[in-house]
PDB file of N, CA and C in Angstrom:
ATOM      1  N   MET A   1     -13.243   0.688   6.298  1.00  0.00           N
ATOM      2  CA  MET A   1     -11.887   1.378   6.996  1.00  0.00           C
ATOM      3  C   MET A   1     -11.638  -0.007   7.991  1.00  0.00           C
ATOM      4  N   ALA A   2     -10.438  -0.225   7.819  1.00  0.00           N
ATOM      5  CA  ALA A   2      -9.996  -1.125   9.305  1.00  0.00           C
ATOM      6  C   ALA A   2      -8.367  -0.418   9.696  1.00  0.00           C
ATOM      7  N   LYS A   3      -8.354  -0.533  11.041  1.00  0.00           N
ATOM      8  CA  LYS A   3      -7.106  -0.161  11.572  1.00  0.00           C
ATOM      9  C   LYS A   3      -6.405  -1.117  12.474  1.00  0.00           C
ATOM     10  N   GLY A   4      -5.325  -1.579  12.630  1.00  0.00           N
ATOM     11  CA  GLY A   4      -4.673  -2.416  13.542  1.00  0.00           C
ATOM     12  C   GLY A   4      -4.984  -3.865  13.026  1.00  0.00           C
ATOM     13  N   ASP A   5      -4.965  -4.677  13.898  1.00  0.00           N
ATOM     14  CA  ASP A   5      -5.230  -6.285  13.641  1.00  0.00           C
ATOM     15  C   ASP A   5      -6.778  -6.576  13.947  1.00  0.00           C
ATOM     16  N   VAL A   6      -7.490  -6.748  12.788  1.00  0.00           N
ATOM     17  CA  VAL A   6      -8.817  -6.910  12.990  1.00  0.00           C
ATOM     18  C   VAL A   6      -8.869  -8.554  12.999  1.00  0.00           C
ATOM     19  N   HIS A   7      -8.069  -9.393  12.322  1.00  0.00           N
ATOM     20  CA  HIS A   7      -8.153 -10.616  12.514  1.00  0.00           C
ATOM     21  C   HIS A   7      -8.376 -11.682  13.588  1.00  0.00           C
ATOM     22  N   VAL A   8      -9.613 -12.370  13.908  1.00  0.00           N
ATOM     23  CA  VAL A   8      -9.840 -13.393  14.904  1.00  0.00           C
ATOM     24  C   VAL A   8     -10.376 -14.426  14.450  1.00  0.00           C
ATOM     25  N   ALA A   9     -10.004 -15.514  15.448  1.00  0.00           N
ATOM     26  CA  ALA A   9     -10.295 -16.824  15.397  1.00  0.00           C
ATOM     27  C   ALA A   9     -11.791 -17.290  15.095  1.00  0.00           C
ATOM     28  N   ARG A  10     -11.754 -18.237  14.191  1.00  0.00           N
ATOM     29  CA  ARG A  10     -13.514 -18.816  14.175  1.00  0.00           C
ATOM     30  C   ARG A  10     -13.569 -19.165  15.342  1.00  0.00           C
ATOM     31  N   GLY A  11     -15.092 -19.004  15.710  1.00  0.00           N
ATOM     32  CA  GLY A  11     -15.515 -19.281  17.208  1.00  0.00           C
ATOM     33  C   GLY A  11     -15.402 -18.070  18.080  1.00  0.00           C
ATOM     34  N   ALA A  12     -14.755 -16.740  17.701  1.00  0.00           N
ATOM     35  CA  ALA A  12     -14.551 -15.666  18.228  1.00  0.00           C
ATOM     36  C   ALA A  12     -15.856 -15.196  19.105  1.00  0.00           C
ATOM     37  N   THR A  13     -15.668 -14.930  20.358  1.00  0.00           N
ATOM     38  CA  THR A  13     -17.056 -14.301  21.062  1.00  0.00           C
ATOM     39  C   THR A  13     -17.324 -12.943  20.622  1.00  0.00           C
ATOM     40  N   ILE A  14     -18.464 -12.828  20.149  1.00  0.00           N
ATOM     41  CA  ILE A  14     -18.962 -11.438  19.311  1.00  0.00           C
ATOM     42  C   ILE A  14     -20.184 -11.148  20.404  1.00  0.00           C
ATOM     43  N   VAL A  15     -19.992  -9.605  20.629  1.00  0.00           N
ATOM     44  CA  VAL A  15     -20.946  -9.141  21.720  1.00  0.00           C
ATOM     45  C   VAL A  15     -21.166  -7.770  21.074  1.00  0.00           C
ATOM     46  N   GLU A  16     -22.736  -7.832  20.433  1.00  0.00           N
ATOM     47  CA  GLU A  16     -23.287  -6.596  19.902  1.00  0.00           C
ATOM     48  C   GLU A  16     -23.934  -5.430  20.960  1.00  0.00           C
ATOM     49  N   LEU A  17     -23.452  -4.477  21.129  1.00  0.00           N
ATOM     50  CA  LEU A  17     -23.694  -3.442  22.144  1.00  0.00           C
ATOM     51  C   LEU A  17     -25.004  -2.582  21.211  1.00  0.00           C
ATOM     52  N   VAL A  18     -26.237  -2.835  21.990  1.00  0.00           N
ATOM     53  CA  VAL A  18     -27.419  -2.125  21.209  1.00  0.00           C
ATOM     54  C   VAL A  18     -27.996  -1.176  21.744  1.00  0.00           C
ATOM     55  N   PRO A  19     -27.813  -0.094  21.025  1.00  0.00           N
ATOM     56  CA  PRO A  19     -28.741   1.055  21.584  1.00  0.00           C
ATOM     57  C   PRO A  19     -30.106   0.938  21.934  1.00  0.00           C
ATOM     58  N   THR A  20     -30.840   1.739  22.332  1.00  0.00           N
ATOM     59  CA  THR A  20     -32.199   1.954  22.597  1.00  0.00           C
ATOM     60  C   THR A  20     -32.680   2.156  21.215  1.00  0.00           C
ATOM     61  N   ALA A  21     -33.749   1.525  20.700  1.00  0.00           N
ATOM     62  CA  ALA A  21     -34.203   1.497  19.356  1.00  0.00           C
ATOM     63  C   ALA A  21     -35.138   3.001  19.221  1.00  0.00           C
ATOM     64  N   ASN A  22     -34.871   3.852  17.937  1.00  0.00           N
ATOM     65  CA  ASN A  22     -35.640   4.628  18.033  1.00  0.00           C
ATOM     66  C   ASN A  22     -36.350   4.664  16.517  1.00  0.00           C
ATOM     67  N   ILE A  23     -37.494   5.481  16.452  1.00  0.00           N
ATOM     68  CA  ILE A  23     -38.026   5.499  15.387  1.00  0.00           C
ATOM     69  C   ILE A  23     -37.485   6.021  13.789  1.00  0.00           C
ATOM     70  N   ALA A  24     -36.234   6.378  13.712  1.00  0.00           N
ATOM     71  CA  ALA A  24     -35.432   6.454  12.774  1.00  0.00           C
ATOM     72  C   ALA A  24     -34.632   5.378  12.197  1.00  0.00           C
ATOM     73  N   ALA A  25     -34.147   4.704  13.279  1.00  0.00           N
ATOM     74  CA  ALA A  25     -32.997   3.378  12.785  1.00  0.00           C
ATOM     75  C   ALA A  25     -33.808   2.089  13.228  1.00  0.00           C
ATOM     76  N   GLY A  26     -34.737   2.075  14.225  1.00  0.00           N
ATOM     77  CA  GLY A  26     -35.441   1.099  14.466  1.00  0.00           C
ATOM     78  C   GLY A  26     -34.581   0.004  15.339  1.00  0.00           C
ATOM     79  N   GLU A  27     -35.055  -1.640  15.298  1.00  0.00           N
ATOM     80  CA  GLU A  27     -33.943  -2.484  15.907  1.00  0.00           C
ATOM     81  C   GLU A  27     -33.372  -3.030  14.763  1.00  0.00           C
ATOM     82  N   HIS A  28     -32.417  -3.532  15.048  1.00  0.00           N
ATOM     83  CA  HIS A  28     -31.471  -4.509  14.350  1.00  0.00           C
ATOM     84  C   HIS A  28     -32.274  -5.239  13.422  1.00  0.00           C
ATOM     85  N   VAL A  29     -31.845  -5.842  12.040  1.00  0.00           N
ATOM     86  CA  VAL A  29     -32.552  -6.602  11.244  1.00  0.00           C
ATOM     87  C   VAL A  29     -31.539  -7.760  11.343  1.00  0.00           C
ATOM     88  N   HIS A  30     -30.323  -7.320  11.164  1.00  0.00           N
ATOM     89  CA  HIS A  30     -29.224  -8.328  10.835  1.00  0.00           C
ATOM     90  C   HIS A  30     -28.107  -8.126  11.847  1.00  0.00           C
ATOM     91  N   GLY A  31     -27.441  -9.330  11.914  1.00  0.00           N
ATOM     92  CA  GLY A  31     -26.390  -9.230  12.857  1.00  0.00           C
ATOM     93  C   GLY A  31     -25.496 -10.361  12.422  1.00  0.00           C
ATOM     94  N   PHE A  32     -24.190 -10.572  13.444  1.00  0.00           N
ATOM     95  CA  PHE A  32     -23.125 -11.800  13.520  1.00  0.00           C
ATOM     96  C   PHE A  32     -23.752 -12.581  13.574  1.00  0.00           C
ATOM     97  N   ALA A  33     -23.610 -14.007  13.157  1.00  0.00           N
ATOM     98  CA  ALA A  33     -23.837 -15.221  13.585  1.00  0.00           C
ATOM     99  C   ALA A  33     -23.546 -15.588  14.908  1.00  0.00           C
ATOM    100  N   GLY A  34     -24.454 -16.108  15.903  1.00  0.00           N
ATOM    101  CA  GLY A  34     -23.666 -16.348  17.196  1.00  0.00           C
ATOM    102  C   GLY A  34     -23.425 -15.036  18.149  1.00  0.00           C
ATOM    103  N   ALA A  35     -23.521 -14.060  17.701  1.00  0.00           N
ATOM    104  CA  ALA A  35     -23.458 -12.895  18.524  1.00  0.00           C
ATOM    105  C   ALA A  35     -24.453 -12.749  19.830  1.00  0.00           C
ATOM    106  N   ARG A  36     -23.792 -12.204  20.908  1.00  0.00           N
ATOM    107  CA  ARG A  36     -24.616 -11.822  22.079  1.00  0.00           C
ATOM    108  C   ARG A  36     -25.070 -10.287  21.793  1.00  0.00           C
ATOM    109  N   PHE A  37     -26.520 -10.211  22.327  1.00  0.00           N
ATOM    110  CA  PHE A  37     -27.200  -8.710  22.056  1.00  0.00           C
ATOM    111  C   PHE A  37     -26.854  -8.335  23.675  1.00  0.00           C
ATOM    112  N   VAL A  38     -26.224  -7.008  23.631  1.00  0.00           N
ATOM    113  CA  VAL A  38     -26.424  -6.461  25.003  1.00  0.00           C
ATOM    114  C   VAL A  38     -26.797  -5.030  25.224  1.00  0.00           C
ATOM    115  N   ARG A  39     -27.735  -4.548  26.025  1.00  0.00           N
ATOM    116  CA  ARG A  39     -28.333  -3.340  26.138  1.00  0.00           C
ATOM    117  C   ARG A  39     -27.564  -2.601  27.250  1.00  0.00           C
ATOM    118  N   GLU A  40     -27.886  -1.357  27.037  1.00  0.00           N
ATOM    119  CA  GLU A  40     -27.230  -0.252  28.304  1.00  0.00           C
ATOM    120  C   GLU A  40     -27.861  -0.707  29.444  1.00  0.00           C
ATOM    121  N   GLY A  41     -26.874  -0.790  30.747  1.00  0.00           N
ATOM    122  CA  GLY A  41     -27.651  -1.416  31.850  1.00  0.00           C
ATOM    123  C   GLY A  41     -27.296  -3.005  32.142  1.00  0.00           C
ATOM    124  N   ASP A  42     -27.048  -3.670  30.908  1.00  0.00           N
ATOM    125  CA  ASP A  42     -26.765  -5.099  31.208  1.00  0.00           C
ATOM    126  C   ASP A  42     -25.343  -5.466  31.646  1.00  0.00           C
ATOM    127  N   ASP A  43     -25.103  -6.549  31.886  1.00  0.00           N
ATOM    128  CA  ASP A  43     -23.325  -6.842  32.258  1.00  0.00           C
ATOM    129  C   ASP A  43     -23.041  -7.215  30.820  1.00  0.00           C
ATOM    130  N   ILE A  44     -21.668  -6.514  30.515  1.00  0.00           N
ATOM    131  CA  ILE A  44     -21.190  -6.640  29.615  1.00  0.00           C
ATOM    132  C   ILE A  44     -20.084  -7.756  29.444  1.00  0.00           C
ATOM    133  N   PRO A  45     -20.161  -8.820  28.876  1.00  0.00           N
ATOM    134  CA  PRO A  45     -19.239  -9.898  29.098  1.00  0.00           C
ATOM    135  C   PRO A  45     -17.987  -9.536  28.196  1.00  0.00           C
ATOM    136  N   ALA A  46     -16.775 -10.151  28.733  1.00  0.00           N
ATOM    137  CA  ALA A  46     -15.383 -10.389  27.790  1.00  0.00           C
ATOM    138  C   ALA A  46     -15.859 -10.731  26.396  1.00  0.00           C
ATOM    139  N   ALA A  47     -15.229 -10.360  25.639  1.00  0.00           N
ATOM    140  CA  ALA A  47     -15.486 -10.446  24.206  1.00  0.00           C
ATOM    141  C   ALA A  47     -14.204 -10.379  23.300  1.00  0.00           C
ATOM    142  N   ASP A  48     -14.261 -10.935  22.089  1.00  0.00           N
ATOM    143  CA  ASP A  48     -12.993 -10.647  21.135  1.00  0.00           C
ATOM    144  C   ASP A  48     -13.696  -9.747  20.382  1.00  0.00           C
ATOM    145  N   VAL A  49     -14.568  -9.764  20.261  1.00  0.00           N
ATOM    146  CA  VAL A  49     -15.163  -8.603  18.891  1.00  0.00           C
ATOM    147  C   VAL A  49     -16.450  -7.802  19.497  1.00  0.00           C
ATOM    148  N   TYR A  50     -16.354  -6.528  19.755  1.00  0.00           N
ATOM    149  CA  TYR A  50     -17.575  -5.525  20.103  1.00  0.00           C
ATOM    150  C   TYR A  50     -18.206  -4.872  19.086  1.00  0.00           C
ATOM    151  N   VAL A  51     -19.439  -5.022  18.720  1.00  0.00           N
ATOM    152  CA  VAL A  51     -20.222  -4.441  17.729  1.00  0.00           C
ATOM    153  C   VAL A  51     -20.933  -3.419  18.321  1.00  0.00           C
ATOM    154  N   VAL A  52     -20.363  -2.007  17.769  1.00  0.00           N
ATOM    155  CA  VAL A  52     -21.226  -0.929  18.356  1.00  0.00           C
ATOM    156  C   VAL A  52     -21.959  -0.157  17.061  1.00  0.00           C
ATOM    157  N   ARG A  53     -22.952   0.564  17.262  1.00  0.00           N
ATOM    158  CA  ARG A  53     -23.445   1.580  16.183  1.00  0.00           C
ATOM    159  C   ARG A  53     -23.422   3.132  16.987  1.00  0.00           C
ATOM    160  N   ASP A  54     -22.816   3.970  15.998  1.00  0.00           N
ATOM    161  CA  ASP A  54     -22.749   5.513  16.536  1.00  0.00           C
ATOM    162  C   ASP A  54     -22.292   5.331  18.092  1.00  0.00           C
ATOM    163  N   ALA A  55     -21.231   4.513  18.115  1.00  0.00           N
ATOM    164  CA  ALA A  55     -20.574   4.804  19.336  1.00  0.00           C
ATOM    165  C   ALA A  55     -20.433   6.201  19.714  1.00  0.00           C
ATOM    166  N   HIS A  56     -20.115   7.037  19.106  1.00  0.00           N
ATOM    167  CA  HIS A  56     -19.867   8.662  19.163  1.00  0.00           C
ATOM    168  C   HIS A  56     -21.138   9.172  19.883  1.00  0.00           C
ATOM    169  N   ARG A  57     -22.262   8.357  19.821  1.00  0.00           N
ATOM    170  CA  ARG A  57     -23.447   8.987  20.745  1.00  0.00           C
ATOM    171  C   ARG A  57     -23.645   8.269  22.349  1.00  0.00           C
ATOM    172  N   HIS A  58     -22.744   7.452  22.568  1.00  0.00           N
ATOM    173  CA  HIS A  58     -23.196   6.682  23.799  1.00  0.00           C
ATOM    174  C   HIS A  58     -21.829   6.082  24.385  1.00  0.00           C
ATOM    175  N   GLN A  59     -21.905   6.776  25.177  1.00  0.00           N
ATOM    176  CA  GLN A  59     -20.645   6.708  26.396  1.00  0.00           C
ATOM    177  C   GLN A  59     -20.288   5.156  26.560  1.00  0.00           C
ATOM    178  N   TRP A  60     -21.558   4.594  27.340  1.00  0.00           N
ATOM    179  CA  TRP A  60     -21.567   3.076  27.915  1.00  0.00           C
ATOM    180  C   TRP A  60     -20.706   2.264  26.692  1.00  0.00           C
ATOM    181  N   MET A  61     -21.142   2.538  25.506  1.00  0.00           N
ATOM    182  CA  MET A  61     -20.769   1.690  24.472  1.00  0.00           C
ATOM    183  C   MET A  61     -18.803   1.887  24.477  1.00  0.00           C
ATOM    184  N   ARG A  62     -18.678   3.342  24.274  1.00  0.00           N
ATOM    185  CA  ARG A  62     -17.262   3.275  24.296  1.00  0.00           C
ATOM    186  C   ARG A  62     -16.706   3.023  25.313  1.00  0.00           C
ATOM    187  N   ASP A  63     -17.039   2.974  26.543  1.00  0.00           N
ATOM    188  CA  ASP A  63     -16.337   2.251  27.826  1.00  0.00           C
ATOM    189  C   ASP A  63     -16.213   0.963  27.853  1.00  0.00           C
ATOM    190  N   ALA A  64     -17.465   0.554  27.356  1.00  0.00           N
ATOM    191  CA  ALA A  64     -17.314  -1.126  27.297  1.00  0.00           C
ATOM    192  C   ALA A  64     -16.625  -1.659  26.096  1.00  0.00           C
ATOM    193  N   ALA A  65     -16.748  -1.163  24.963  1.00  0.00           N
ATOM    194  CA  ALA A  65     -15.981  -1.593  23.722  1.00  0.00           C
ATOM    195  C   ALA A  65     -14.104  -1.608  23.654  1.00  0.00           C
ATOM    196  N   ASP A  66     -13.645  -0.633  24.439  1.00  0.00           N
ATOM    197  CA  ASP A  66     -12.435  -0.180  24.121  1.00  0.00           C
ATOM    198  C   ASP A  66     -11.612  -0.852  25.223  1.00  0.00           C
ATOM    199  N   ARG A  67     -11.699  -2.314  24.791  1.00  0.00           N
ATOM    200  CA  ARG A  67     -10.853  -3.029  25.724  1.00  0.00           C
ATOM    201  C   ARG A  67      -9.591  -3.669  24.915  1.00  0.00           C
ATOM    202  N   GLU A  68      -8.439  -3.570  25.644  1.00  0.00           N
ATOM    203  CA  GLU A  68      -7.118  -3.845  24.985  1.00  0.00           C
ATOM    204  C   GLU A  68      -7.300  -5.465  24.600  1.00  0.00           C
ATOM    205  N   GLY A  69      -7.153  -5.772  23.723  1.00  0.00           N
ATOM    206  CA  GLY A  69      -6.818  -7.312  22.854  1.00  0.00           C
ATOM    207  C   GLY A  69      -8.275  -7.461  21.954  1.00  0.00           C
ATOM    208  N   ALA A  70      -9.320  -6.258  22.225  1.00  0.00           N
ATOM    209  CA  ALA A  70     -10.389  -6.748  21.520  1.00  0.00           C
ATOM    210  C   ALA A  70     -10.638  -5.983  19.965  1.00  0.00           C
ATOM    211  N   VAL A  71     -11.426  -6.481  19.380  1.00  0.00           N
ATOM    212  CA  VAL A  71     -11.484  -5.688  17.988  1.00  0.00           C
ATOM    213  C   VAL A  71     -13.003  -5.020  18.270  1.00  0.00           C
ATOM    214  N   VAL A  72     -12.926  -3.886  17.657  1.00  0.00           N
ATOM    215  CA  VAL A  72     -14.344  -2.958  17.567  1.00  0.00           C
ATOM    216  C   VAL A  72     -14.588  -2.924  16.161  1.00  0.00           C
ATOM    217  N   VAL A  73     -16.101  -3.153  15.976  1.00  0.00           N
ATOM    218  CA  VAL A  73     -16.771  -3.003  14.536  1.00  0.00           C
ATOM    219  C   VAL A  73     -17.805  -2.152  14.942  1.00  0.00           C
ATOM    220  N   GLU A  74     -17.536  -0.856  14.249  1.00  0.00           N
ATOM    221  CA  GLU A  74     -18.386   0.236  14.107  1.00  0.00           C
ATOM    222  C   GLU A  74     -19.504   0.165  12.868  1.00  0.00           C
ATOM    223  N   VAL A  75     -20.704   0.111  12.986  1.00  0.00           N
ATOM    224  CA  VAL A  75     -21.564  -0.506  12.003  1.00  0.00           C
ATOM    225  C   VAL A  75     -22.406   0.984  11.769  1.00  0.00           C
ATOM    226  N   GLY A  76     -22.126   2.090  12.518  1.00  0.00           N
ATOM    227  CA  GLY A  76     -22.824   3.519  12.282  1.00  0.00           C
ATOM    228  C   GLY A  76     -21.765   4.162  11.700  1.00  0.00           C
ATOM    229  N   LEU A  77     -21.823   5.485  12.068  1.00  0.00           N
ATOM    230  CA  LEU A  77     -21.022   6.442  11.694  1.00  0.00           C
ATOM    231  C   LEU A  77     -19.664   6.517  12.527  1.00  0.00           C
ATOM    232  N   PRO A  78     -18.484   6.287  11.475  1.00  0.00           N
ATOM    233  CA  PRO A  78     -17.322   6.071  12.445  1.00  0.00           C
ATOM    234  C   PRO A  78     -16.554   7.329  12.638  1.00  0.00           C
ATOM    235  N   VAL A  79     -17.383   8.273  13.743  1.00  0.00           N
ATOM    236  CA  VAL A  79     -16.889   9.362  14.424  1.00  0.00           C
ATOM    237  C   VAL A  79     -16.037   9.101  15.257  1.00  0.00           C
ATOM    238  N   TRP A  80     -16.168   8.029  16.360  1.00  0.00           N
ATOM    239  CA  TRP A  80     -15.184   7.800  17.190  1.00  0.00           C
ATOM    240  C   TRP A  80     -14.400   6.374  17.227  1.00  0.00           C
ATOM    241  N   GLN A  81     -13.012   6.522  17.504  1.00  0.00           N
ATOM    242  CA  GLN A  81     -12.211   5.372  17.508  1.00  0.00           C
ATOM    243  C   GLN A  81     -11.944   4.845  18.576  1.00  0.00           C
ATOM    244  N   PRO A  82     -11.446   3.765  18.888  1.00  0.00           N
ATOM    245  CA  PRO A  82     -11.187   3.310  19.984  1.00  0.00           C
ATOM    246  C   PRO A  82      -9.558   3.420  20.396  1.00  0.00           C
ATOM    247  N   SER A  83      -9.087   3.682  21.600  1.00  0.00           N
ATOM    248  CA  SER A  83      -7.790   3.864  21.698  1.00  0.00           C
ATOM    249  C   SER A  83      -6.947   2.614  22.472  1.00  0.00           C
ATOM    250  N   GLN A  84      -7.568   1.618  22.987  1.00  0.00           N
ATOM    251  CA  GLN A  84      -6.961   0.591  23.727  1.00  0.00           C
ATOM    252  C   GLN A  84      -7.064  -0.735  22.811  1.00  0.00           C
ATOM    253  N   ALA A  85      -8.423  -0.639  21.935  1.00  0.00           N
ATOM    254  CA  ALA A  85      -8.651  -2.049  21.283  1.00  0.00           C
ATOM    255  C   ALA A  85      -7.596  -2.443  20.272  1.00  0.00           C
ATOM    256  N   ARG A  86      -7.235  -3.303  19.973  1.00  0.00           N
ATOM    257  CA  ARG A  86      -6.116  -3.922  18.890  1.00  0.00           C
ATOM    258  C   ARG A  86      -6.386  -3.926  17.544  1.00  0.00           C
ATOM    259  N   GLY A  87      -7.755  -3.586  17.299  1.00  0.00           N
ATOM    260  CA  GLY A  87      -8.191  -3.599  15.843  1.00  0.00           C
ATOM    261  C   GLY A  87      -9.527  -2.688  15.913  1.00  0.00           C
ATOM    262  N   TYR A  88      -9.725  -2.302  14.606  1.00  0.00           N
ATOM    263  CA  TYR A  88     -11.033  -1.197  14.336  1.00  0.00           C
ATOM    264  C   TYR A  88     -11.473  -1.617  13.254  1.00  0.00           C
ATOM    265  N   LEU A  89     -12.664  -1.564  12.673  1.00  0.00           N
ATOM    266  CA  LEU A  89     -13.225  -2.062  11.631  1.00  0.00           C
ATOM    267  C   LEU A  89     -14.692  -1.393  11.456  1.00  0.00           C
ATOM    268  N   ALA A  90     -14.960  -0.078  10.509  1.00  0.00           N
ATOM    269  CA  ALA A  90     -15.975   0.530  10.275  1.00  0.00           C
ATOM    270  C   ALA A  90     -16.504  -0.081   8.884  1.00  0.00           C
ATOM    271  N   THR A  91     -17.852  -0.569   9.022  1.00  0.00           N
ATOM    272  CA  THR A  91     -18.746  -0.785   8.079  1.00  0.00           C
ATOM    273  C   THR A  91     -19.702  -0.072   6.883  1.00  0.00           C
ATOM    274  N   TYR A  92     -19.785   1.189   7.871  1.00  0.00           N
ATOM    275  CA  TYR A  92     -20.550   2.362   7.316  1.00  0.00           C
ATOM    276  C   TYR A  92     -22.149   2.036   6.869  1.00  0.00           C
ATOM    277  N   GLY A  93     -22.479   0.545   7.860  1.00  0.00           N
ATOM    278  CA  GLY A  93     -23.834   0.584   7.578  1.00  0.00           C
ATOM    279  C   GLY A  93     -23.995  -1.145   8.405  1.00  0.00           C
ATOM    280  N   ARG A  94     -25.126  -1.450   8.684  1.00  0.00           N
ATOM    281  CA  ARG A  94     -25.436  -2.847   9.237  1.00  0.00           C
ATOM    282  C   ARG A  94     -26.269  -3.735   8.073  1.00  0.00           C
ATOM    283  N   SER A  95     -26.128  -3.239   7.059  1.00  0.00           N
ATOM    284  CA  SER A  95     -26.919  -4.139   6.055  1.00  0.00           C
ATOM    285  C   SER A  95     -26.283  -5.598   5.804  1.00  0.00           C
ATOM    286  N   ARG A  96     -27.163  -6.592   5.428  1.00  0.00           N
ATOM    287  CA  ARG A  96     -26.524  -8.113   5.616  1.00  0.00           C
ATOM    288  C   ARG A  96     -25.302  -7.941   4.747  1.00  0.00           C
ATOM    289  N   VAL A  97     -25.183  -7.276   3.560  1.00  0.00           N
ATOM    290  CA  VAL A  97     -23.841  -7.410   2.848  1.00  0.00           C
ATOM    291  C   VAL A  97     -22.717  -6.452   3.577  1.00  0.00           C
ATOM    292  N   SER A  98     -23.138  -5.698   4.305  1.00  0.00           N
ATOM    293  CA  SER A  98     -22.041  -4.931   5.170  1.00  0.00           C
ATOM    294  C   SER A  98     -21.124  -5.945   6.061  1.00  0.00           C
ATOM    295  N   LEU A  99     -22.244  -6.677   6.767  1.00  0.00           N
ATOM    296  CA  LEU A  99     -22.074  -7.425   7.956  1.00  0.00           C
ATOM    297  C   LEU A  99     -21.362  -8.603   7.374  1.00  0.00           C
ATOM    298  N   THR A 100     -21.515  -9.037   6.243  1.00  0.00           N
ATOM    299  CA  THR A 100     -20.983 -10.287   5.550  1.00  0.00           C
ATOM    300  C   THR A 100     -19.565  -9.846   5.202  1.00  0.00           C
ATOM    301  N   ALA A 101     -19.268  -8.670   4.578  1.00  0.00           N
ATOM    302  CA  ALA A 101     -18.021  -8.166   4.298  1.00  0.00           C
ATOM    303  C   ALA A 101     -17.273  -8.094   5.561  1.00  0.00           C
ATOM    304  N   ALA A 102     -17.782  -7.686   6.516  1.00  0.00           N
ATOM    305  CA  ALA A 102     -17.093  -7.374   8.026  1.00  0.00           C
ATOM    306  C   ALA A 102     -16.636  -8.799   8.378  1.00  0.00           C
ATOM    307  N   ALA A 103     -17.423  -9.780   8.621  1.00  0.00           N
ATOM    308  CA  ALA A 103     -17.173 -11.155   8.793  1.00  0.00           C
ATOM    309  C   ALA A 103     -16.078 -11.784   7.938  1.00  0.00           C
ATOM    310  N   GLU A 104     -15.988 -11.701   6.711  1.00  0.00           N
ATOM    311  CA  GLU A 104     -14.942 -12.018   6.127  1.00  0.00           C
ATOM    312  C   GLU A 104     -13.663 -11.454   6.365  1.00  0.00           C
ATOM    313  N   ARG A 105     -13.661  -9.978   6.425  1.00  0.00           N
ATOM    314  CA  ARG A 105     -12.489  -9.295   7.122  1.00  0.00           C
ATOM    315  C   ARG A 105     -12.019  -9.724   8.183  1.00  0.00           C
ATOM    316  N   LEU A 106     -12.920 -10.060   9.323  1.00  0.00           N
ATOM    317  CA  LEU A 106     -12.441 -10.476  10.786  1.00  0.00           C
ATOM    318  C   LEU A 106     -11.723 -11.972  10.520  1.00  0.00           C
ATOM    319  N   GLY A 107     -12.438 -12.789   9.226  1.00  0.00           N
ATOM    320  CA  GLY A 107     -11.863 -13.791   9.254  1.00  0.00           C
ATOM    321  C   GLY A 107     -12.796 -15.186  10.084  1.00  0.00           C
ATOM    322  N   LEU A 108     -13.949 -14.606  10.129  1.00  0.00           N
ATOM    323  CA  LEU A 108     -15.160 -15.528  10.679  1.00  0.00           C
ATOM    324  C   LEU A 108     -15.742 -16.449   9.912  1.00  0.00           C
TER     325      LEU A 108
END
């Protein structure tokens, strides 16, 4: 599911906001090429794309990702949607094939 303008230029800055791993979900196995991983409490840099997982569960992710001009990619449950970001893309999972499809949709 995509809303708004989700196309970004090649070489776009991608930041993946990573929640604390739990026994059910574990650590990320796949990710976007060249993405910077940021955990809660770390400085969150400006980016063209913010990747979140289950942002509805993490206020810090919602606050960090909902930036004007950015694209938010939700790789978990698409319960929350940004109000300021220019684009939103939900993958319904972070498998390698889901991330590859998202990268193609973003134009990376």
